[in-house]
Amino acid sequence: MKEVLKEIDTRIKRLKAEIELAESRLEFLNKIGASSKYKLLEKKQGISEIYIAFFMLWGFIGLVLLLYLKYRYGEMLPFSLTPYIILMVFFILLPVVYYIISSRKPEEETPIDYLIKRERMARLLINHFYKPLRDALEKGDEDKLKDLADDISMGELARAAEELNEGNPEAMAYALYLYIARDKVNPEEIQEALTLVKNKPLKSLLSTLLKESSN
């Protein structure tokens, strides 16, 4: 078990280094004014949406006015208003189509967003997976281990594990379930799980379990 705990401590140190690196890069980007630049770009995007809304409103008012003129004075006018009405409908639909197409595009992640996300995910894994895992293994708290297996298999913890290359969340959960049910599993199942699990602490846990089962 000492080897497993050592591997957990190593992963915690690596994630802490990830946090420190992200913080130093964020500080550097802040110093060179990059954060202000990205905020300005976001502001410009918001202003462009206001322009689109204003253009649509102007087009709608124009359409209503043309329809009113056609209804009230259509017979008196020397020309047909129908082509102008069709044209105005086109001008209203154009920004609508543009907005729909642009809103479907995924938002570009800025370097600042990326670093903040990495920092948040690293903290999440340390505080909500590795530290509780270490504590549960030391105390033999199987209920806590089951909760961790459930948590790592889905949601934010699973996304964090994948994003930071900690391993496949489902395989990590499977390793914990095997450890909890260690009295009921055979060495072949553990050996098969070892080929699936890439997370070093959990791989070490399964290896320890395999040694114990073979004795």
Protein backbone atom coordinates (compact mmCIF):
# COMPACT_ATOMS: atom_id res chain seq x y z
CA MET A 1 0.00 0.00 0.00
CA LYS A 2 2.97 2.33 0.59
CA GLU A 3 3.75 2.22 -3.12
CA VAL A 4 0.16 3.16 -3.98
CA LEU A 5 0.19 6.10 -1.57
CA LYS A 6 3.54 7.20 -2.99
CA GLU A 7 2.06 7.20 -6.51
CA ILE A 8 -0.93 9.26 -5.29
CA ASP A 9 1.45 11.79 -3.72
CA THR A 10 3.36 11.96 -7.01
CA ARG A 11 0.15 12.68 -8.93
CA ILE A 12 -0.81 15.38 -6.42
CA LYS A 13 2.62 17.01 -6.83
CA ARG A 14 2.29 16.88 -10.62
CA LEU A 15 -1.12 18.53 -10.50
CA LYS A 16 0.15 21.18 -8.10
CA ALA A 17 2.93 21.90 -10.59
CA GLU A 18 0.24 22.21 -13.28
CA ILE A 19 -1.57 24.78 -11.12
CA GLU A 20 1.61 26.76 -10.50
CA LEU A 21 2.46 26.75 -14.19
CA ALA A 22 -1.04 27.93 -15.12
CA GLU A 23 -0.89 30.68 -12.50
CA SER A 24 2.51 31.91 -13.70
CA ARG A 25 1.33 31.97 -17.32
CA LEU A 26 -1.83 33.83 -16.36
CA GLU A 27 0.25 36.35 -14.45
CA PHE A 28 2.50 36.80 -17.49
CA LEU A 29 -0.47 37.26 -19.84
CA ASN A 30 -1.92 39.80 -17.44
CA LYS A 31 1.37 41.72 -17.37
CA ILE A 32 1.56 42.01 -21.16
CA GLY A 33 -2.09 43.10 -21.34
CA ALA A 34 -3.40 39.98 -23.08
CA SER A 35 -6.39 39.72 -20.72
CA SER A 36 -7.49 43.26 -21.67
CA LYS A 37 -7.15 42.34 -25.34
CA TYR A 38 -9.44 39.30 -25.02
CA LYS A 39 -11.96 41.31 -23.00
CA LEU A 40 -11.98 43.91 -25.78
CA LEU A 41 -12.66 41.20 -28.37
CA GLU A 42 -15.58 39.90 -26.28
CA LYS A 43 -16.92 43.45 -26.01
CA LYS A 44 -16.72 43.87 -29.80
CA GLN A 45 -18.67 40.65 -30.28
CA GLY A 46 -21.36 41.96 -27.94
CA ILE A 47 -21.51 45.26 -29.88
CA SER A 48 -21.87 43.38 -33.20
CA GLU A 49 -24.90 41.55 -31.78
CA ILE A 50 -26.43 44.94 -30.87
CA TYR A 51 -25.87 46.11 -34.45
CA ILE A 52 -27.61 43.00 -35.78
CA ALA A 53 -30.58 43.57 -33.47
CA PHE A 54 -30.77 47.25 -34.50
CA PHE A 55 -30.59 46.33 -38.19
CA MET A 56 -33.43 43.82 -37.76
CA LEU A 57 -35.52 46.38 -35.88
CA TRP A 58 -34.93 48.99 -38.60
CA GLY A 59 -35.89 46.44 -41.27
CA PHE A 60 -39.04 45.44 -39.39
CA ILE A 61 -40.15 49.08 -39.03
CA GLY A 62 -39.50 49.61 -42.75
CA LEU A 63 -41.52 46.51 -43.62
CA VAL A 64 -44.45 47.63 -41.48
CA LEU A 65 -44.34 51.06 -43.14
CA LEU A 66 -44.31 49.55 -46.65
CA LEU A 67 -47.20 47.23 -45.81
CA TYR A 68 -49.16 50.18 -44.45
CA LEU A 69 -48.52 52.23 -47.60
CA LYS A 70 -49.49 49.29 -49.80
CA TYR A 71 -52.70 48.72 -47.86
CA ARG A 72 -53.64 52.41 -47.58
CA TYR A 73 -52.32 53.94 -50.81
CA GLY A 74 -51.55 50.97 -53.05
CA GLU A 75 -54.05 51.94 -55.72
CA MET A 76 -52.89 55.57 -55.78
CA LEU A 77 -49.17 54.88 -56.18
CA PRO A 78 -47.78 54.77 -59.76
CA PHE A 79 -45.56 51.77 -58.95
CA SER A 80 -45.90 48.48 -57.09
CA LEU A 81 -44.54 48.21 -53.57
CA THR A 82 -44.37 44.40 -53.70
CA PRO A 83 -40.70 44.22 -54.87
CA TYR A 84 -39.69 46.62 -52.08
CA ILE A 85 -41.59 44.54 -49.53
CA ILE A 86 -39.82 41.35 -50.71
CA LEU A 87 -36.49 43.17 -50.58
CA MET A 88 -37.17 44.38 -47.04
CA VAL A 89 -38.10 40.84 -45.93
CA PHE A 90 -34.77 39.69 -47.37
CA PHE A 91 -32.90 42.39 -45.43
CA ILE A 92 -34.64 41.27 -42.22
CA LEU A 93 -33.90 37.58 -42.79
CA LEU A 94 -30.26 38.16 -43.73
CA PRO A 95 -29.03 39.13 -40.24
CA VAL A 96 -31.25 36.42 -38.71
CA VAL A 97 -29.56 33.75 -40.87
CA TYR A 98 -26.13 35.25 -40.09
CA TYR A 99 -26.83 35.19 -36.35
CA ILE A 100 -28.06 31.58 -36.43
CA ILE A 101 -25.00 30.41 -38.38
CA SER A 102 -22.54 32.32 -36.17
CA SER A 103 -24.20 31.14 -32.94
CA ARG A 104 -23.81 27.51 -34.03
CA LYS A 105 -20.05 27.90 -34.28
CA PRO A 106 -18.30 26.75 -31.08
CA GLU A 107 -16.83 29.60 -29.06
CA GLU A 108 -13.10 29.89 -29.54
CA GLU A 109 -11.23 29.14 -26.34
CA THR A 110 -8.72 31.85 -25.54
CA PRO A 111 -5.35 31.00 -23.94
CA ILE A 112 -6.62 32.59 -20.73
CA ASP A 113 -9.77 30.42 -20.73
CA TYR A 114 -7.60 27.36 -21.36
CA LEU A 115 -5.25 28.11 -18.45
CA ILE A 116 -8.10 28.90 -16.06
CA LYS A 117 -9.79 25.63 -17.04
CA ARG A 118 -6.60 23.60 -16.50
CA GLU A 119 -6.04 25.21 -13.11
CA ARG A 120 -9.63 24.57 -12.01
CA MET A 121 -9.56 20.94 -13.17
CA ALA A 122 -6.24 20.25 -11.43
CA ARG A 123 -7.60 21.63 -8.15
CA LEU A 124 -10.76 19.56 -8.63
CA LEU A 125 -8.80 16.32 -9.02
CA ILE A 126 -6.55 17.05 -6.06
CA ASN A 127 -9.31 18.04 -3.63
CA HIS A 128 -12.11 15.76 -4.78
CA PHE A 129 -10.31 12.65 -5.96
CA TYR A 130 -6.67 12.12 -5.00
CA LYS A 131 -6.71 13.47 -1.44
CA PRO A 132 -9.98 11.65 -0.54
CA LEU A 133 -8.60 8.52 -2.28
CA ARG A 134 -5.42 8.61 -0.20
CA ASP A 135 -7.42 9.12 2.98
CA ALA A 136 -9.89 6.33 2.15
CA LEU A 137 -7.12 3.82 1.35
CA GLU A 138 -5.27 4.62 4.57
CA LYS A 139 -8.42 4.21 6.65
CA GLY A 140 -9.86 1.32 4.63
CA ASP A 141 -13.05 3.32 4.07
CA GLU A 142 -14.80 1.28 1.36
CA ASP A 143 -17.93 3.45 1.35
CA LYS A 144 -15.77 6.46 0.48
CA LEU A 145 -13.99 4.44 -2.22
CA LYS A 146 -17.35 3.53 -3.75
CA ASP A 147 -18.38 7.19 -3.74
CA LEU A 148 -15.12 8.11 -5.48
CA ALA A 149 -15.66 5.38 -8.08
CA ASP A 150 -19.13 6.77 -8.78
CA ASP A 151 -17.83 10.35 -8.95
CA ILE A 152 -14.87 9.69 -11.26
CA SER A 153 -17.00 7.79 -13.78
CA MET A 154 -19.06 10.84 -14.81
CA GLY A 155 -19.47 14.59 -14.54
CA GLU A 156 -16.78 17.18 -13.92
CA LEU A 157 -14.29 14.78 -12.34
CA ALA A 158 -14.46 12.52 -15.39
CA ARG A 159 -13.92 15.48 -17.74
CA ALA A 160 -11.00 16.67 -15.61
CA ALA A 161 -9.37 13.23 -15.65
CA GLU A 162 -9.62 13.05 -19.44
CA GLU A 163 -8.52 16.65 -20.00
CA LEU A 164 -5.43 16.29 -17.79
CA ASN A 165 -4.56 12.80 -19.09
CA GLU A 166 -5.09 11.10 -15.75
CA GLY A 167 -6.65 8.10 -17.47
CA ASN A 168 -9.97 6.81 -18.74
CA PRO A 169 -12.60 7.68 -16.08
CA GLU A 170 -14.57 4.47 -16.57
CA ALA A 171 -11.44 2.33 -16.27
CA MET A 172 -10.45 4.27 -13.13
CA ALA A 173 -13.88 3.62 -11.61
CA TYR A 174 -13.65 -0.06 -12.59
CA ALA A 175 -10.30 -0.36 -10.79
CA LEU A 176 -11.82 1.02 -7.60
CA TYR A 177 -14.85 -1.29 -7.86
CA LEU A 178 -12.51 -4.26 -8.26
CA TYR A 179 -10.55 -3.22 -5.20
CA ILE A 180 -13.73 -2.89 -3.14
CA ALA A 181 -14.85 -6.38 -4.25
CA ARG A 182 -11.31 -7.84 -3.97
CA ASP A 183 -12.47 -10.87 -1.98
CA LYS A 184 -14.79 -11.89 -4.81
CA VAL A 185 -12.67 -11.25 -7.92
CA ASN A 186 -10.16 -13.63 -9.45
CA PRO A 187 -6.60 -12.79 -10.63
CA GLU A 188 -7.64 -12.97 -14.29
CA GLU A 189 -10.10 -10.11 -13.82
CA ILE A 190 -7.45 -8.01 -12.10
CA GLN A 191 -4.92 -8.78 -14.85
CA GLU A 192 -7.43 -7.77 -17.51
CA ALA A 193 -8.19 -4.52 -15.66
CA LEU A 194 -4.46 -3.76 -15.48
CA THR A 195 -4.33 -3.61 -19.27
CA LEU A 196 -7.19 -1.08 -19.30
CA VAL A 197 -6.13 1.23 -16.47
CA LYS A 198 -3.56 3.90 -17.38
CA ASN A 199 -3.78 5.88 -14.14
CA LYS A 200 -0.55 5.09 -12.24
CA PRO A 201 -1.91 5.14 -8.64
CA LEU A 202 -4.81 2.85 -9.57
CA LYS A 203 -2.55 0.66 -11.68
CA SER A 204 -0.30 0.33 -8.65
CA LEU A 205 -3.35 -0.49 -6.51
CA LEU A 206 -4.36 -3.29 -8.88
CA SER A 207 -0.79 -4.61 -9.02
CA THR A 208 -0.71 -4.77 -5.21
CA LEU A 209 -4.07 -6.53 -5.26
CA LEU A 210 -2.77 -9.02 -7.84
CA LYS A 211 0.27 -9.83 -5.69
CA GLU A 212 -1.95 -10.37 -2.64
CA SER A 213 -4.33 -12.66 -4.56
CA SER A 214 -1.47 -14.80 -5.85
CA ASN A 215 -0.04 -15.38 -2.36
